[in-house]
């Protein structure tokens, strides 16, 4: 436990100590998952703004540009379900990742390694 707690009273040892590194790792992990949840929320909002027609209409601009003009009801429901599941998975990963960083990262080197591993997920 001595390796986890700060060894001195100077600012450098406090910043490099286990509790401060845990807070930094948790902030980075929360920002990563909030970014994903923001993307999901944007998808849900754009899905709500899209007009519903009988068939999905996709327009082509030039060689590589596309625009979705309208979406059929079936695709809208399917995409909404996918986004809800993606949001549930992202929220679950946020909870499990935070608990993992708090409970299983005792040494500062392990904490950094675990935070990097969570970033890959």
Protein backbone atom coordinates (compact mmCIF):
# COMPACT_ATOMS: atom_id res chain seq x y z
CA UNK A 1 0.00 0.00 0.00
CA UNK A 2 3.00 2.30 0.48
CA UNK A 3 3.64 2.33 -3.28
CA UNK A 4 0.07 3.54 -3.79
CA UNK A 5 0.12 6.43 -1.32
CA UNK A 6 2.22 9.58 -1.84
CA UNK A 7 5.72 9.35 -0.36
CA UNK A 8 6.34 13.03 0.23
CA UNK A 9 4.53 16.29 0.65
CA UNK A 10 5.79 17.95 -2.53
CA UNK A 11 3.45 18.43 -5.48
CA UNK A 12 5.33 16.00 -7.76
CA UNK A 13 4.94 13.01 -5.46
CA UNK A 14 1.28 13.81 -4.81
CA UNK A 15 0.49 14.02 -8.54
CA UNK A 16 2.30 10.75 -9.26
CA UNK A 17 0.65 8.92 -6.39
CA UNK A 18 -1.98 6.23 -6.79
CA UNK A 19 -5.07 8.22 -5.74
CA UNK A 20 -4.33 11.09 -8.12
CA UNK A 21 -3.55 8.72 -11.01
CA UNK A 22 -6.81 6.89 -10.29
CA UNK A 23 -8.76 10.13 -10.52
CA UNK A 24 -7.03 11.06 -13.80
CA UNK A 25 -7.67 7.58 -15.24
CA UNK A 26 -11.34 7.75 -14.18
CA UNK A 27 -11.77 11.18 -15.75
CA UNK A 28 -10.24 9.97 -19.03
CA UNK A 29 -12.43 6.85 -19.01
CA UNK A 30 -15.56 8.88 -18.29
CA UNK A 31 -14.76 11.33 -21.09
CA UNK A 32 -14.26 8.44 -23.51
CA UNK A 33 -17.61 6.86 -22.70
CA UNK A 34 -19.42 10.22 -22.63
CA UNK A 35 -18.12 10.85 -26.15
CA UNK A 36 -19.62 7.55 -27.28
CA UNK A 37 -22.92 8.30 -25.53
CA UNK A 38 -22.99 11.72 -27.20
CA UNK A 39 -22.56 10.06 -30.59
CA UNK A 40 -25.46 7.70 -29.81
CA UNK A 41 -27.65 10.60 -28.68
CA UNK A 42 -26.85 12.49 -31.90
CA UNK A 43 -27.86 9.40 -33.90
CA UNK A 44 -31.17 9.17 -32.07
CA UNK A 45 -31.89 12.86 -32.59
CA UNK A 46 -31.05 12.71 -36.29
CA UNK A 47 -33.25 9.65 -36.63
CA UNK A 48 -36.14 11.59 -35.11
CA UNK A 49 -35.61 14.53 -37.48
CA UNK A 50 -35.58 12.37 -40.62
CA UNK A 51 -38.84 12.23 -42.58
CA UNK A 52 -40.63 8.88 -42.79
CA UNK A 53 -41.59 7.56 -46.21
CA UNK A 54 -42.63 4.23 -47.59
CA UNK A 55 -39.13 3.56 -48.99
CA UNK A 56 -35.70 4.77 -47.95
CA UNK A 57 -34.35 7.39 -50.34
CA UNK A 58 -30.58 7.83 -50.71
CA UNK A 59 -29.26 10.47 -53.10
CA UNK A 60 -25.80 10.30 -54.69
CA UNK A 61 -23.65 13.40 -55.13
CA UNK A 62 -20.60 13.03 -57.37
CA UNK A 63 -18.40 9.96 -56.99
CA UNK A 64 -18.39 9.47 -53.23
CA UNK A 65 -21.05 11.70 -51.67
CA UNK A 66 -24.37 10.40 -50.38
CA UNK A 67 -27.33 11.96 -48.61
CA UNK A 68 -30.18 10.13 -46.91
CA UNK A 69 -33.33 12.00 -47.86
CA UNK A 70 -35.86 9.84 -46.01
CA UNK A 71 -36.03 6.58 -44.08
CA UNK A 72 -38.66 3.86 -44.08
CA UNK A 73 -40.38 2.99 -40.82
CA UNK A 74 -38.76 -0.46 -40.65
CA UNK A 75 -35.23 0.94 -40.99
CA UNK A 76 -36.01 3.63 -38.47
CA UNK A 77 -37.17 1.07 -35.90
CA UNK A 78 -34.16 -1.18 -36.58
CA UNK A 79 -31.66 1.69 -36.28
CA UNK A 80 -33.36 2.90 -33.10
CA UNK A 81 -33.08 -0.57 -31.53
CA UNK A 82 -29.41 -0.78 -32.53
CA UNK A 83 -28.72 2.63 -30.97
CA UNK A 84 -30.52 1.71 -27.74
CA UNK A 85 -28.50 -1.51 -27.43
CA UNK A 86 -25.30 0.38 -28.23
CA UNK A 87 -26.15 2.90 -25.50
CA UNK A 88 -26.83 0.13 -22.99
CA UNK A 89 -23.52 -1.54 -23.83
CA UNK A 90 -21.65 1.76 -23.55
CA UNK A 91 -23.24 2.53 -20.18
CA UNK A 92 -22.44 -0.98 -18.91
CA UNK A 93 -18.83 -0.63 -20.08
CA UNK A 94 -18.62 2.69 -18.27
CA UNK A 95 -19.81 1.15 -15.00
CA UNK A 96 -17.67 -1.99 -15.31
CA UNK A 97 -14.60 -0.05 -16.44
CA UNK A 98 -14.88 2.42 -13.58
CA UNK A 99 -15.26 -0.39 -11.05
CA UNK A 100 -12.30 -2.18 -12.63
CA UNK A 101 -10.06 0.87 -12.38
CA UNK A 102 -11.07 1.52 -8.78
CA UNK A 103 -10.90 -2.03 -7.45
CA UNK A 104 -8.14 -3.81 -9.39
CA UNK A 105 -5.48 -1.14 -9.92
CA UNK A 106 -3.31 -1.04 -6.82
CA UNK A 107 0.12 -0.19 -8.24
CA UNK A 108 0.50 2.98 -10.36
CA UNK A 109 2.04 0.95 -13.22
CA UNK A 110 -0.95 -1.41 -13.19
CA UNK A 111 -3.30 1.56 -13.16
CA UNK A 112 -1.76 3.06 -16.28
CA UNK A 113 -1.75 -0.33 -18.02
CA UNK A 114 -5.40 -0.97 -17.10
CA UNK A 115 -6.44 2.50 -18.25
CA UNK A 116 -4.76 1.93 -21.62
CA UNK A 117 -6.46 -1.46 -21.93
CA UNK A 118 -9.85 0.13 -21.25
CA UNK A 119 -9.14 2.74 -23.90
CA UNK A 120 -8.58 -0.02 -26.44
CA UNK A 121 -11.97 -1.56 -25.62
